[in-house]
Each structure stands twice: as structure tokens, then as C-alpha cells.
Amino acid sequence: MSKILLLEDDPILNKTLTKLLKKEGFEIDSAFTGEEAINLSFENRYDLYLFDINVPLIKGDDLIKELRDSGDMTPAVIISALTDIDSITKGFMAGADDYIKKPFDFDELIVRIKAKMQNLKNQIVFKEFIVDLQKDIIYQNNNPISLGDIQKKLLITLIKNYPNPISKEVLMEELNIQNEGALRTNIAKLKKKLNIEIENIRGVGYKII
């Protein structure tokens, strides 16, 4: 079940959207302030953010920027009564993936949300990385990165299995390499090139952190 974090300070609209989205099969956590939303985002993993802008404590677009700056690339949709071009531009510049003007048609909102969810089936998102499985491209901080076949497969395998470690035997089989020295070399190169942490858990295996 896909999980959505809803940030909407209007209690009636918040309750209505929560009810309707649940009927569509989504799991919903709702917040009424930007501070509540950012705390929930740190405690849970979501498939999509649905944020109003004018909310108490931290505005929705500022929250999206803060999340993007921290490496959280979860798709974000803004719902807002602010319809001027400056507000819309600021929302997209903050990192929003879509901007829906209030009042909106609920069916249209669902279509847009499901479109984002469909895109997710072809993507893996981890911190500052987006793995586009369809195009076979890996992005770091929204920039495409160039890796050799072994290091690309190594990174994708570690991300897919996060937060669980993978044994060296499984990694060697997945990467089609014959010895542990080659595995260690590729892990060291990957860590240096991307400035990431890969932990060697003694007697267990490797995990990206």
C-alpha cells in the first residue's frame, strides 16, 4: 500500500482528503503544521508528499526545499490557493513535482497522484540517489552519474536491499566477480567516487548507510 504524508492546516479539508485518499487505497499520515510534517518525514518513509503552502511554523514550499537539501527526493505535490506565477515558480524551484491550484477537482488530484505513483514503479529513491530502472540511469542530487557496469550494479543492489546488509557471497554472485578482493576494490572505488558510506558488518556482509 502506498503511503502519503498530507500537510494541510484546514481541519475540514484535511479530514476530507484523508478520508477520500484512504478510500482510494492509500495509507495516510496527516499533519497540520510544517513542523509536524518534517518530524513525520524523519520518522517514516513515504511514497509521496501532498503539501499545502500556507501552513503554520514551516511553509510547505520551504519544507520541500529543506527535504530536498537533506537528500529526500520523495515526489512532492503542492496543493495551494496561491495561484500567482511567483508562488508557483517558487514551489517548483523548491523541488515540487506538481502544483495543483485550489479549489481542485478530487478526481484530477487522484489522477495526478497515481501518475506519480506509476513513475515510482520505474524508480528507486534513496537519499540523494534516484535510480531510473527504465532508462538505466542513476542520478545523484538530480545529476546523472557515470559508473562502470559492476559499480552501477553494486550500488543498485545495495540500495535495493537497504536497510538490510548483503553477504559478500551474494554480492559476488550478483556482480559476477570471482574473489573478495575484487569486491572490496569496487566498494572502495564506489565510496570514493560518490562520497557515500558502505559499512562492512563483520560476519554478515555490506550495507549502504
N, C-alpha and C. Protein backbone atom coordinates (compact mmCIF):
# COMPACT_ATOMS: atom_id res chain seq x y z
N MET A 1 0.84 -1.20 0.00
CA MET A 1 0.00 0.00 0.00
C MET A 1 0.87 1.25 0.00
N SER A 2 0.60 2.17 -0.92
CA SER A 2 1.38 3.41 -1.00
C SER A 2 1.03 4.34 0.16
N LYS A 3 2.07 5.02 0.67
CA LYS A 3 1.89 5.85 1.85
C LYS A 3 2.12 7.32 1.52
N ILE A 4 1.17 8.18 1.93
CA ILE A 4 1.22 9.61 1.62
C ILE A 4 1.28 10.40 2.92
N LEU A 5 2.12 11.44 2.93
CA LEU A 5 2.13 12.41 4.03
C LEU A 5 1.38 13.65 3.57
N LEU A 6 0.27 13.94 4.23
CA LEU A 6 -0.57 15.09 3.89
C LEU A 6 -0.31 16.22 4.88
N LEU A 7 0.01 17.39 4.35
CA LEU A 7 0.18 18.60 5.17
C LEU A 7 -0.89 19.60 4.75
N GLU A 8 -1.87 19.78 5.61
CA GLU A 8 -2.99 20.69 5.34
C GLU A 8 -3.52 21.19 6.68
N ASP A 9 -3.48 22.54 6.88
CA ASP A 9 -3.86 23.07 8.19
C ASP A 9 -5.36 23.29 8.34
N ASP A 10 -6.11 23.27 7.25
CA ASP A 10 -7.56 23.39 7.35
C ASP A 10 -8.11 22.05 7.83
N PRO A 11 -8.67 22.01 9.06
CA PRO A 11 -9.09 20.72 9.62
C PRO A 11 -10.15 20.00 8.80
N ILE A 12 -11.06 20.75 8.19
CA ILE A 12 -12.12 20.12 7.41
C ILE A 12 -11.55 19.50 6.14
N LEU A 13 -10.71 20.29 5.43
CA LEU A 13 -10.11 19.77 4.20
C LEU A 13 -9.16 18.62 4.51
N ASN A 14 -8.41 18.74 5.60
CA ASN A 14 -7.50 17.67 5.99
C ASN A 14 -8.28 16.37 6.22
N LYS A 15 -9.36 16.47 6.97
CA LYS A 15 -10.18 15.28 7.26
C LYS A 15 -10.80 14.71 5.99
N THR A 16 -11.29 15.61 5.12
CA THR A 16 -11.94 15.17 3.88
C THR A 16 -10.95 14.46 2.97
N LEU A 17 -9.77 15.09 2.77
CA LEU A 17 -8.76 14.49 1.91
C LEU A 17 -8.27 13.15 2.47
N THR A 18 -8.08 13.09 3.77
CA THR A 18 -7.64 11.85 4.40
C THR A 18 -8.64 10.73 4.14
N LYS A 19 -9.91 11.04 4.32
CA LYS A 19 -10.97 10.05 4.11
C LYS A 19 -11.02 9.59 2.66
N LEU A 20 -10.98 10.54 1.72
CA LEU A 20 -11.09 10.21 0.30
C LEU A 20 -9.87 9.44 -0.19
N LEU A 21 -8.69 9.85 0.27
CA LEU A 21 -7.47 9.16 -0.15
C LEU A 21 -7.40 7.74 0.39
N LYS A 22 -7.90 7.55 1.61
CA LYS A 22 -7.95 6.20 2.18
C LYS A 22 -8.90 5.32 1.38
N LYS A 23 -10.01 5.90 0.91
CA LYS A 23 -10.96 5.14 0.09
C LYS A 23 -10.32 4.71 -1.23
N GLU A 24 -9.33 5.48 -1.69
CA GLU A 24 -8.63 5.14 -2.92
C GLU A 24 -7.52 4.11 -2.68
N GLY A 25 -7.35 3.70 -1.43
CA GLY A 25 -6.39 2.65 -1.12
C GLY A 25 -5.04 3.13 -0.62
N PHE A 26 -4.91 4.43 -0.34
CA PHE A 26 -3.65 4.95 0.17
C PHE A 26 -3.63 4.93 1.70
N GLU A 27 -2.44 4.76 2.24
CA GLU A 27 -2.24 4.92 3.68
C GLU A 27 -1.83 6.37 3.92
N ILE A 28 -2.48 7.05 4.88
CA ILE A 28 -2.28 8.49 5.05
C ILE A 28 -1.80 8.81 6.47
N ASP A 29 -0.76 9.64 6.55
CA ASP A 29 -0.41 10.34 7.78
C ASP A 29 -0.70 11.80 7.53
N SER A 30 -1.42 12.44 8.44
CA SER A 30 -1.76 13.85 8.22
C SER A 30 -1.09 14.74 9.25
N ALA A 31 -0.68 15.93 8.80
CA ALA A 31 -0.06 16.92 9.66
C ALA A 31 -0.75 18.26 9.43
N PHE A 32 -0.74 19.11 10.46
CA PHE A 32 -1.40 20.41 10.38
C PHE A 32 -0.40 21.57 10.40
N THR A 33 0.85 21.28 10.73
CA THR A 33 1.90 22.29 10.70
C THR A 33 3.12 21.72 9.99
N GLY A 34 3.96 22.63 9.48
CA GLY A 34 5.18 22.19 8.82
C GLY A 34 6.10 21.43 9.75
N GLU A 35 6.10 21.81 11.02
CA GLU A 35 6.96 21.13 11.98
C GLU A 35 6.50 19.69 12.20
N GLU A 36 5.17 19.50 12.30
CA GLU A 36 4.65 18.13 12.42
C GLU A 36 5.05 17.30 11.20
N ALA A 37 4.94 17.90 10.02
CA ALA A 37 5.23 17.18 8.79
C ALA A 37 6.70 16.77 8.71
N ILE A 38 7.60 17.68 9.06
CA ILE A 38 9.02 17.34 8.94
C ILE A 38 9.40 16.27 9.95
N ASN A 39 8.79 16.30 11.14
CA ASN A 39 9.06 15.25 12.12
C ASN A 39 8.58 13.89 11.61
N LEU A 40 7.40 13.87 11.00
CA LEU A 40 6.88 12.62 10.44
C LEU A 40 7.75 12.12 9.31
N SER A 41 8.28 13.05 8.51
CA SER A 41 9.12 12.65 7.37
C SER A 41 10.42 12.01 7.84
N PHE A 42 10.91 12.42 9.01
CA PHE A 42 12.13 11.83 9.55
C PHE A 42 11.87 10.46 10.16
N GLU A 43 10.64 10.27 10.67
CA GLU A 43 10.30 9.03 11.37
C GLU A 43 9.77 7.94 10.46
N ASN A 44 9.30 8.31 9.26
CA ASN A 44 8.66 7.35 8.37
C ASN A 44 9.17 7.52 6.95
N ARG A 45 8.89 6.51 6.15
CA ARG A 45 9.22 6.59 4.72
C ARG A 45 7.91 6.68 3.94
N TYR A 46 7.84 7.67 3.04
CA TYR A 46 6.61 7.91 2.28
C TYR A 46 6.86 7.74 0.79
N ASP A 47 5.77 7.46 0.08
CA ASP A 47 5.83 7.36 -1.38
C ASP A 47 5.54 8.70 -2.04
N LEU A 48 4.86 9.59 -1.30
CA LEU A 48 4.51 10.90 -1.88
C LEU A 48 4.19 11.88 -0.77
N TYR A 49 4.58 13.15 -0.98
CA TYR A 49 4.20 14.24 -0.08
C TYR A 49 3.11 15.08 -0.77
N LEU A 50 2.08 15.43 -0.02
CA LEU A 50 0.99 16.29 -0.51
C LEU A 50 0.89 17.47 0.45
N PHE A 51 1.43 18.63 0.04
CA PHE A 51 1.62 19.75 0.95
C PHE A 51 0.87 21.00 0.50
N ASP A 52 0.17 21.63 1.45
CA ASP A 52 -0.28 23.00 1.27
C ASP A 52 0.92 23.91 1.55
N ILE A 53 0.84 25.16 1.07
CA ILE A 53 1.95 26.10 1.30
C ILE A 53 1.76 26.89 2.58
N ASN A 54 0.62 27.59 2.69
CA ASN A 54 0.40 28.47 3.83
C ASN A 54 -0.08 27.69 5.05
N VAL A 55 0.89 27.12 5.75
CA VAL A 55 0.62 26.36 6.98
C VAL A 55 1.50 26.91 8.09
N PRO A 56 1.14 26.69 9.35
CA PRO A 56 1.92 27.24 10.46
C PRO A 56 3.33 26.65 10.56
N LEU A 57 4.21 27.47 11.14
CA LEU A 57 5.58 27.12 11.54
C LEU A 57 6.56 26.99 10.37
N ILE A 58 6.33 26.06 9.45
CA ILE A 58 7.19 25.96 8.27
C ILE A 58 6.28 25.85 7.06
N LYS A 59 6.44 26.78 6.11
CA LYS A 59 5.60 26.73 4.92
C LYS A 59 5.91 25.50 4.07
N GLY A 60 4.88 25.07 3.33
CA GLY A 60 5.02 23.84 2.56
C GLY A 60 6.15 23.86 1.56
N ASP A 61 6.33 24.98 0.84
CA ASP A 61 7.40 25.04 -0.15
C ASP A 61 8.78 25.09 0.52
N ASP A 62 8.86 25.78 1.65
CA ASP A 62 10.13 25.81 2.40
C ASP A 62 10.46 24.41 2.94
N LEU A 63 9.43 23.68 3.31
CA LEU A 63 9.62 22.32 3.82
C LEU A 63 10.15 21.41 2.71
N ILE A 64 9.58 21.55 1.51
CA ILE A 64 10.06 20.75 0.39
C ILE A 64 11.53 21.04 0.12
N LYS A 65 11.90 22.32 0.14
CA LYS A 65 13.31 22.68 -0.10
C LYS A 65 14.20 22.07 0.97
N GLU A 66 13.74 22.12 2.22
CA GLU A 66 14.54 21.55 3.32
C GLU A 66 14.72 20.04 3.13
N LEU A 67 13.64 19.37 2.70
CA LEU A 67 13.73 17.94 2.46
C LEU A 67 14.67 17.63 1.31
N ARG A 68 14.57 18.41 0.23
CA ARG A 68 15.45 18.20 -0.92
C ARG A 68 16.91 18.44 -0.54
N ASP A 69 17.15 19.48 0.25
CA ASP A 69 18.52 19.78 0.68
C ASP A 69 19.10 18.66 1.54
N SER A 70 18.21 17.93 2.22
CA SER A 70 18.68 16.82 3.07
C SER A 70 18.83 15.53 2.28
N GLY A 71 18.50 15.58 0.98
CA GLY A 71 18.64 14.39 0.13
C GLY A 71 17.37 13.60 -0.06
N ASP A 72 16.25 14.06 0.51
CA ASP A 72 14.97 13.37 0.36
C ASP A 72 14.34 13.77 -0.97
N MET A 73 14.27 12.83 -1.91
CA MET A 73 13.75 13.10 -3.24
C MET A 73 12.36 12.51 -3.46
N THR A 74 11.65 12.22 -2.36
CA THR A 74 10.29 11.70 -2.46
C THR A 74 9.43 12.66 -3.28
N PRO A 75 8.64 12.16 -4.26
CA PRO A 75 7.79 13.05 -5.05
C PRO A 75 6.90 13.92 -4.16
N ALA A 76 6.79 15.20 -4.51
CA ALA A 76 6.03 16.16 -3.71
C ALA A 76 5.06 16.92 -4.60
N VAL A 77 3.79 16.95 -4.17
CA VAL A 77 2.74 17.68 -4.89
C VAL A 77 2.24 18.79 -3.98
N ILE A 78 2.22 20.01 -4.49
CA ILE A 78 1.69 21.16 -3.75
C ILE A 78 0.22 21.35 -4.09
N ILE A 79 -0.59 21.57 -3.06
CA ILE A 79 -1.99 21.99 -3.24
C ILE A 79 -2.12 23.35 -2.56
N SER A 80 -2.50 24.38 -3.31
CA SER A 80 -2.46 25.72 -2.74
C SER A 80 -3.48 26.64 -3.38
N ALA A 81 -3.97 27.58 -2.56
CA ALA A 81 -4.85 28.64 -3.07
C ALA A 81 -4.04 29.77 -3.70
N LEU A 82 -2.72 29.72 -3.56
CA LEU A 82 -1.85 30.72 -4.17
C LEU A 82 -1.69 30.37 -5.65
N THR A 83 -2.25 31.20 -6.50
CA THR A 83 -2.27 30.88 -7.94
C THR A 83 -1.41 31.83 -8.77
N ASP A 84 -0.71 32.77 -8.12
CA ASP A 84 0.13 33.70 -8.88
C ASP A 84 1.39 32.99 -9.35
N ILE A 85 1.96 33.48 -10.42
CA ILE A 85 3.09 32.82 -11.05
C ILE A 85 4.32 32.78 -10.14
N ASP A 86 4.48 33.80 -9.27
CA ASP A 86 5.63 33.81 -8.36
C ASP A 86 5.56 32.65 -7.37
N SER A 87 4.35 32.41 -6.83
CA SER A 87 4.18 31.31 -5.87
C SER A 87 4.39 29.97 -6.55
N ILE A 88 3.85 29.83 -7.76
CA ILE A 88 4.00 28.57 -8.50
C ILE A 88 5.47 28.33 -8.82
N THR A 89 6.16 29.39 -9.28
CA THR A 89 7.58 29.27 -9.60
C THR A 89 8.39 28.89 -8.37
N LYS A 90 8.09 29.54 -7.25
CA LYS A 90 8.81 29.23 -6.01
C LYS A 90 8.60 27.78 -5.61
N GLY A 91 7.38 27.28 -5.80
CA GLY A 91 7.08 25.89 -5.45
C GLY A 91 7.91 24.91 -6.25
N PHE A 92 7.97 25.15 -7.56
CA PHE A 92 8.75 24.26 -8.42
C PHE A 92 10.25 24.42 -8.16
N MET A 93 10.70 25.65 -7.90
CA MET A 93 12.11 25.87 -7.61
C MET A 93 12.53 25.20 -6.31
N ALA A 94 11.57 25.07 -5.38
CA ALA A 94 11.85 24.40 -4.10
C ALA A 94 12.04 22.90 -4.29
N GLY A 95 11.49 22.38 -5.40
CA GLY A 95 11.64 20.95 -5.67
C GLY A 95 10.34 20.20 -5.83
N ALA A 96 9.20 20.93 -5.89
CA ALA A 96 7.91 20.26 -6.07
C ALA A 96 7.85 19.60 -7.44
N ASP A 97 7.15 18.47 -7.52
CA ASP A 97 6.98 17.76 -8.78
C ASP A 97 5.69 18.15 -9.49
N ASP A 98 4.75 18.73 -8.75
CA ASP A 98 3.49 19.16 -9.34
C ASP A 98 2.89 20.25 -8.45
N TYR A 99 1.99 21.04 -9.02
CA TYR A 99 1.38 22.16 -8.30
C TYR A 99 -0.09 22.21 -8.70
N ILE A 100 -0.97 21.98 -7.76
CA ILE A 100 -2.41 21.94 -8.03
C ILE A 100 -3.08 23.11 -7.31
N LYS A 101 -3.82 23.89 -8.08
CA LYS A 101 -4.45 25.10 -7.53
C LYS A 101 -5.78 24.76 -6.87
N LYS A 102 -5.99 25.35 -5.68
CA LYS A 102 -7.28 25.24 -5.01
C LYS A 102 -8.25 26.28 -5.57
N PRO A 103 -9.54 25.98 -5.63
CA PRO A 103 -10.14 24.67 -5.37
C PRO A 103 -9.86 23.72 -6.52
N PHE A 104 -9.70 22.46 -6.22
CA PHE A 104 -9.37 21.48 -7.25
C PHE A 104 -10.41 20.37 -7.27
N ASP A 105 -10.45 19.68 -8.39
CA ASP A 105 -11.33 18.52 -8.53
C ASP A 105 -10.61 17.31 -7.94
N PHE A 106 -11.27 16.59 -7.04
CA PHE A 106 -10.62 15.48 -6.36
C PHE A 106 -10.19 14.40 -7.36
N ASP A 107 -11.01 14.15 -8.36
CA ASP A 107 -10.67 13.13 -9.35
C ASP A 107 -9.38 13.50 -10.09
N GLU A 108 -9.20 14.80 -10.36
CA GLU A 108 -7.97 15.24 -11.01
C GLU A 108 -6.77 15.03 -10.09
N LEU A 109 -6.95 15.33 -8.81
CA LEU A 109 -5.88 15.11 -7.84
C LEU A 109 -5.47 13.64 -7.83
N ILE A 110 -6.43 12.74 -7.82
CA ILE A 110 -6.14 11.30 -7.80
C ILE A 110 -5.38 10.89 -9.06
N VAL A 111 -5.80 11.42 -10.22
CA VAL A 111 -5.12 11.10 -11.47
C VAL A 111 -3.65 11.51 -11.38
N ARG A 112 -3.41 12.70 -10.86
CA ARG A 112 -2.02 13.19 -10.77
C ARG A 112 -1.22 12.38 -9.77
N ILE A 113 -1.83 12.05 -8.64
CA ILE A 113 -1.12 11.25 -7.64
C ILE A 113 -0.78 9.87 -8.21
N LYS A 114 -1.74 9.25 -8.88
CA LYS A 114 -1.49 7.91 -9.43
C LYS A 114 -0.44 7.95 -10.52
N ALA A 115 -0.38 9.06 -11.27
CA ALA A 115 0.66 9.21 -12.29
C ALA A 115 2.04 9.23 -11.63
N LYS A 116 2.14 9.95 -10.50
CA LYS A 116 3.42 9.98 -9.78
C LYS A 116 3.77 8.59 -9.25
N MET A 117 2.75 7.88 -8.74
CA MET A 117 2.97 6.53 -8.21
C MET A 117 3.43 5.58 -9.31
N GLN A 118 2.86 5.75 -10.51
CA GLN A 118 3.25 4.90 -11.63
C GLN A 118 4.71 5.12 -11.99
N ASN A 119 5.13 6.39 -11.95
CA ASN A 119 6.53 6.69 -12.23
C ASN A 119 7.45 6.03 -11.21
N LEU A 120 6.95 5.93 -9.95
CA LEU A 120 7.76 5.35 -8.88
C LEU A 120 8.08 3.88 -9.14
N LYS A 121 7.20 3.19 -9.88
CA LYS A 121 7.43 1.77 -10.16
C LYS A 121 8.70 1.58 -10.99
N ASN A 122 9.06 2.60 -11.72
CA ASN A 122 10.27 2.53 -12.54
C ASN A 122 11.46 3.23 -11.90
N GLN A 123 11.30 3.62 -10.61
CA GLN A 123 12.37 4.34 -9.93
C GLN A 123 12.61 3.77 -8.54
N ILE A 124 13.84 3.88 -8.11
CA ILE A 124 14.19 3.61 -6.72
C ILE A 124 14.80 4.89 -6.18
N VAL A 125 14.27 5.37 -5.06
CA VAL A 125 14.76 6.60 -4.45
C VAL A 125 15.44 6.26 -3.12
N PHE A 126 16.69 6.72 -2.96
CA PHE A 126 17.41 6.52 -1.70
C PHE A 126 18.27 7.74 -1.44
N LYS A 127 17.91 8.46 -0.37
CA LYS A 127 18.64 9.68 -0.02
C LYS A 127 18.78 10.58 -1.25
N GLU A 128 20.03 10.89 -1.67
CA GLU A 128 20.19 11.81 -2.79
C GLU A 128 20.21 11.09 -4.14
N PHE A 129 19.94 9.78 -4.12
CA PHE A 129 20.00 8.98 -5.35
C PHE A 129 18.61 8.67 -5.90
N ILE A 130 18.49 8.73 -7.23
CA ILE A 130 17.31 8.23 -7.93
C ILE A 130 17.82 7.26 -8.99
N VAL A 131 17.32 6.02 -8.92
CA VAL A 131 17.68 5.02 -9.91
C VAL A 131 16.50 4.88 -10.87
N ASP A 132 16.71 5.28 -12.10
CA ASP A 132 15.68 5.15 -13.14
C ASP A 132 15.90 3.81 -13.83
N LEU A 133 15.08 2.82 -13.45
CA LEU A 133 15.26 1.47 -13.95
C LEU A 133 14.91 1.36 -15.44
N GLN A 134 13.98 2.19 -15.87
CA GLN A 134 13.55 2.14 -17.26
C GLN A 134 14.63 2.69 -18.19
N LYS A 135 15.24 3.80 -17.79
CA LYS A 135 16.26 4.44 -18.63
C LYS A 135 17.67 3.96 -18.29
N ASP A 136 17.79 3.17 -17.19
CA ASP A 136 19.09 2.67 -16.74
C ASP A 136 20.06 3.83 -16.47
N ILE A 137 19.55 4.82 -15.72
CA ILE A 137 20.36 5.98 -15.34
C ILE A 137 20.27 6.16 -13.83
N ILE A 138 21.37 6.50 -13.20
CA ILE A 138 21.39 6.81 -11.77
C ILE A 138 21.68 8.29 -11.61
N TYR A 139 20.87 8.97 -10.80
CA TYR A 139 21.06 10.39 -10.52
C TYR A 139 21.51 10.56 -9.07
N GLN A 140 22.44 11.44 -8.85
CA GLN A 140 22.85 11.85 -7.51
C GLN A 140 22.65 13.35 -7.40
N ASN A 141 21.78 13.76 -6.46
CA ASN A 141 21.41 15.18 -6.35
C ASN A 141 20.90 15.72 -7.69
N ASN A 142 20.08 14.89 -8.35
CA ASN A 142 19.42 15.24 -9.62
C ASN A 142 20.37 15.31 -10.81
N ASN A 143 21.63 14.93 -10.63
CA ASN A 143 22.59 14.93 -11.74
C ASN A 143 22.94 13.49 -12.12
N PRO A 144 22.90 13.15 -13.42
CA PRO A 144 23.25 11.79 -13.83
C PRO A 144 24.71 11.49 -13.53
N ILE A 145 24.98 10.29 -13.07
CA ILE A 145 26.35 9.90 -12.74
C ILE A 145 26.78 8.76 -13.66
N SER A 146 28.08 8.71 -13.92
CA SER A 146 28.65 7.69 -14.81
C SER A 146 29.41 6.66 -13.97
N LEU A 147 28.98 5.41 -14.08
CA LEU A 147 29.63 4.33 -13.36
C LEU A 147 29.85 3.16 -14.32
N GLY A 148 30.88 2.38 -14.04
CA GLY A 148 31.06 1.15 -14.79
C GLY A 148 29.96 0.16 -14.44
N ASP A 149 29.84 -0.90 -15.24
CA ASP A 149 28.74 -1.86 -15.06
C ASP A 149 28.75 -2.50 -13.67
N ILE A 150 29.93 -2.88 -13.19
CA ILE A 150 30.00 -3.55 -11.89
C ILE A 150 29.62 -2.59 -10.77
N GLN A 151 30.17 -1.38 -10.80
CA GLN A 151 29.87 -0.43 -9.72
C GLN A 151 28.41 0.04 -9.77
N LYS A 152 27.86 0.16 -10.98
CA LYS A 152 26.45 0.52 -11.09
C LYS A 152 25.57 -0.57 -10.49
N LYS A 153 25.85 -1.82 -10.84
CA LYS A 153 25.06 -2.94 -10.31
C LYS A 153 25.25 -3.05 -8.80
N LEU A 154 26.47 -2.79 -8.33
CA LEU A 154 26.76 -2.83 -6.89
C LEU A 154 25.93 -1.80 -6.14
N LEU A 155 25.92 -0.56 -6.64
CA LEU A 155 25.16 0.50 -5.98
C LEU A 155 23.67 0.18 -5.97
N ILE A 156 23.13 -0.26 -7.12
CA ILE A 156 21.70 -0.57 -7.20
C ILE A 156 21.35 -1.72 -6.25
N THR A 157 22.19 -2.73 -6.18
CA THR A 157 21.93 -3.87 -5.29
C THR A 157 21.92 -3.45 -3.83
N LEU A 158 22.87 -2.61 -3.44
CA LEU A 158 22.92 -2.13 -2.06
C LEU A 158 21.70 -1.28 -1.73
N ILE A 159 21.30 -0.41 -2.66
CA ILE A 159 20.14 0.46 -2.44
C ILE A 159 18.86 -0.37 -2.35
N LYS A 160 18.71 -1.34 -3.25
CA LYS A 160 17.50 -2.18 -3.25
C LYS A 160 17.33 -2.93 -1.93
N ASN A 161 18.45 -3.30 -1.33
CA ASN A 161 18.38 -4.11 -0.11
C ASN A 161 18.41 -3.29 1.18
N TYR A 162 18.57 -1.96 1.05
CA TYR A 162 18.60 -1.12 2.25
C TYR A 162 17.29 -1.28 3.02
N PRO A 163 17.31 -1.36 4.36
CA PRO A 163 18.45 -1.19 5.27
C PRO A 163 19.15 -2.50 5.64
N ASN A 164 18.88 -3.56 4.89
CA ASN A 164 19.46 -4.87 5.23
C ASN A 164 20.84 -5.04 4.59
N PRO A 165 21.75 -5.69 5.30
CA PRO A 165 23.06 -5.97 4.71
C PRO A 165 22.97 -7.13 3.72
N ILE A 166 23.96 -7.22 2.83
CA ILE A 166 24.03 -8.30 1.85
C ILE A 166 25.36 -9.03 2.05
N SER A 167 25.32 -10.33 2.06
CA SER A 167 26.55 -11.08 2.27
C SER A 167 27.47 -10.91 1.07
N LYS A 168 28.76 -11.06 1.33
CA LYS A 168 29.74 -10.91 0.25
C LYS A 168 29.54 -11.98 -0.82
N GLU A 169 29.08 -13.16 -0.41
CA GLU A 169 28.86 -14.23 -1.38
C GLU A 169 27.74 -13.86 -2.36
N VAL A 170 26.66 -13.29 -1.85
CA VAL A 170 25.56 -12.88 -2.71
C VAL A 170 25.99 -11.75 -3.63
N LEU A 171 26.74 -10.78 -3.09
CA LEU A 171 27.22 -9.67 -3.91
C LEU A 171 28.14 -10.16 -5.03
N MET A 172 29.03 -11.08 -4.70
CA MET A 172 29.95 -11.60 -5.72
C MET A 172 29.19 -12.33 -6.82
N GLU A 173 28.15 -13.07 -6.42
CA GLU A 173 27.34 -13.77 -7.42
C GLU A 173 26.56 -12.78 -8.28
N GLU A 174 25.96 -11.75 -7.63
CA GLU A 174 25.19 -10.74 -8.36
C GLU A 174 26.06 -9.98 -9.35
N LEU A 175 27.31 -9.68 -8.94
CA LEU A 175 28.20 -8.87 -9.76
C LEU A 175 29.05 -9.70 -10.71
N ASN A 176 28.94 -11.03 -10.57
CA ASN A 176 29.71 -11.95 -11.42
C ASN A 176 31.20 -11.71 -11.31
N ILE A 177 31.67 -11.58 -10.05
CA ILE A 177 33.11 -11.48 -9.82
C ILE A 177 33.55 -12.67 -8.98
N GLN A 178 34.81 -13.04 -9.11
CA GLN A 178 35.26 -14.33 -8.61
C GLN A 178 35.91 -14.30 -7.23
N ASN A 179 36.34 -13.12 -6.77
CA ASN A 179 37.05 -13.12 -5.48
C ASN A 179 36.68 -11.90 -4.66
N GLU A 180 36.90 -12.03 -3.37
CA GLU A 180 36.51 -10.98 -2.42
C GLU A 180 37.36 -9.72 -2.60
N GLY A 181 38.59 -9.88 -3.06
CA GLY A 181 39.45 -8.72 -3.29
C GLY A 181 38.86 -7.78 -4.33
N ALA A 182 38.31 -8.34 -5.40
CA ALA A 182 37.68 -7.52 -6.44
C ALA A 182 36.45 -6.80 -5.89
N LEU A 183 35.72 -7.50 -5.01
CA LEU A 183 34.55 -6.87 -4.40
C LEU A 183 34.97 -5.68 -3.54
N ARG A 184 35.98 -5.88 -2.69
CA ARG A 184 36.45 -4.80 -1.83
C ARG A 184 36.96 -3.62 -2.65
N THR A 185 37.64 -3.90 -3.74
CA THR A 185 38.17 -2.83 -4.60
C THR A 185 37.03 -2.00 -5.19
N ASN A 186 36.01 -2.65 -5.69
CA ASN A 186 34.88 -1.94 -6.28
C ASN A 186 34.10 -1.15 -5.23
N ILE A 187 33.97 -1.69 -4.03
CA ILE A 187 33.31 -0.96 -2.95
C ILE A 187 34.10 0.28 -2.59
N ALA A 188 35.42 0.15 -2.50
CA ALA A 188 36.27 1.30 -2.15
C ALA A 188 36.19 2.39 -3.23
N LYS A 189 36.19 1.99 -4.50
CA LYS A 189 36.08 2.96 -5.59
C LYS A 189 34.74 3.67 -5.57
N LEU A 190 33.68 2.91 -5.30
CA LEU A 190 32.33 3.48 -5.26
C LEU A 190 32.22 4.49 -4.12
N LYS A 191 32.75 4.16 -2.96
CA LYS A 191 32.71 5.06 -1.80
C LYS A 191 33.46 6.36 -2.10
N LYS A 192 34.62 6.23 -2.73
CA LYS A 192 35.42 7.41 -3.03
C LYS A 192 34.77 8.28 -4.10
N LYS A 193 34.26 7.65 -5.14
CA LYS A 193 33.70 8.40 -6.27
C LYS A 193 32.44 9.15 -5.89
N LEU A 194 31.56 8.53 -5.08
CA LEU A 194 30.26 9.12 -4.77
C LEU A 194 30.20 9.74 -3.38
N ASN A 195 31.29 9.59 -2.61
CA ASN A 195 31.34 10.11 -1.24
C ASN A 195 30.18 9.55 -0.41
N ILE A 196 30.04 8.22 -0.43
CA ILE A 196 28.98 7.55 0.32
C ILE A 196 29.61 6.61 1.34
N GLU A 197 28.79 6.14 2.27
CA GLU A 197 29.26 5.21 3.30
C GLU A 197 28.68 3.83 3.03
N ILE A 198 29.55 2.85 2.95
CA ILE A 198 29.16 1.45 2.84
C ILE A 198 29.82 0.72 4.00
N GLU A 199 29.02 0.17 4.86
CA GLU A 199 29.53 -0.43 6.10
C GLU A 199 29.80 -1.91 5.91
N ASN A 200 30.96 -2.34 6.39
CA ASN A 200 31.30 -3.76 6.41
C ASN A 200 30.92 -4.32 7.78
N ILE A 201 29.86 -5.09 7.82
CA ILE A 201 29.41 -5.69 9.08
C ILE A 201 30.05 -7.06 9.20
N ARG A 202 30.98 -7.18 10.12
CA ARG A 202 31.81 -8.40 10.23
C ARG A 202 30.93 -9.64 10.38
N GLY A 203 31.19 -10.62 9.54
CA GLY A 203 30.46 -11.88 9.61
C GLY A 203 29.07 -11.84 9.00
N VAL A 204 28.66 -10.66 8.49
CA VAL A 204 27.31 -10.54 7.92
C VAL A 204 27.39 -10.13 6.46
N GLY A 205 28.00 -8.97 6.21
CA GLY A 205 28.09 -8.50 4.83
C GLY A 205 28.22 -7.00 4.76
N TYR A 206 27.75 -6.43 3.68
CA TYR A 206 27.87 -4.98 3.44
C TYR A 206 26.50 -4.33 3.36
N LYS A 207 26.43 -3.08 3.81
CA LYS A 207 25.19 -2.31 3.67
C LYS A 207 25.52 -0.85 3.42
N ILE A 208 24.69 -0.19 2.64
CA ILE A 208 24.84 1.24 2.42
C ILE A 208 24.14 1.98 3.54
N ILE A 209 24.72 3.08 4.00
CA ILE A 209 24.13 3.79 5.15
C ILE A 209 24.08 5.29 4.86
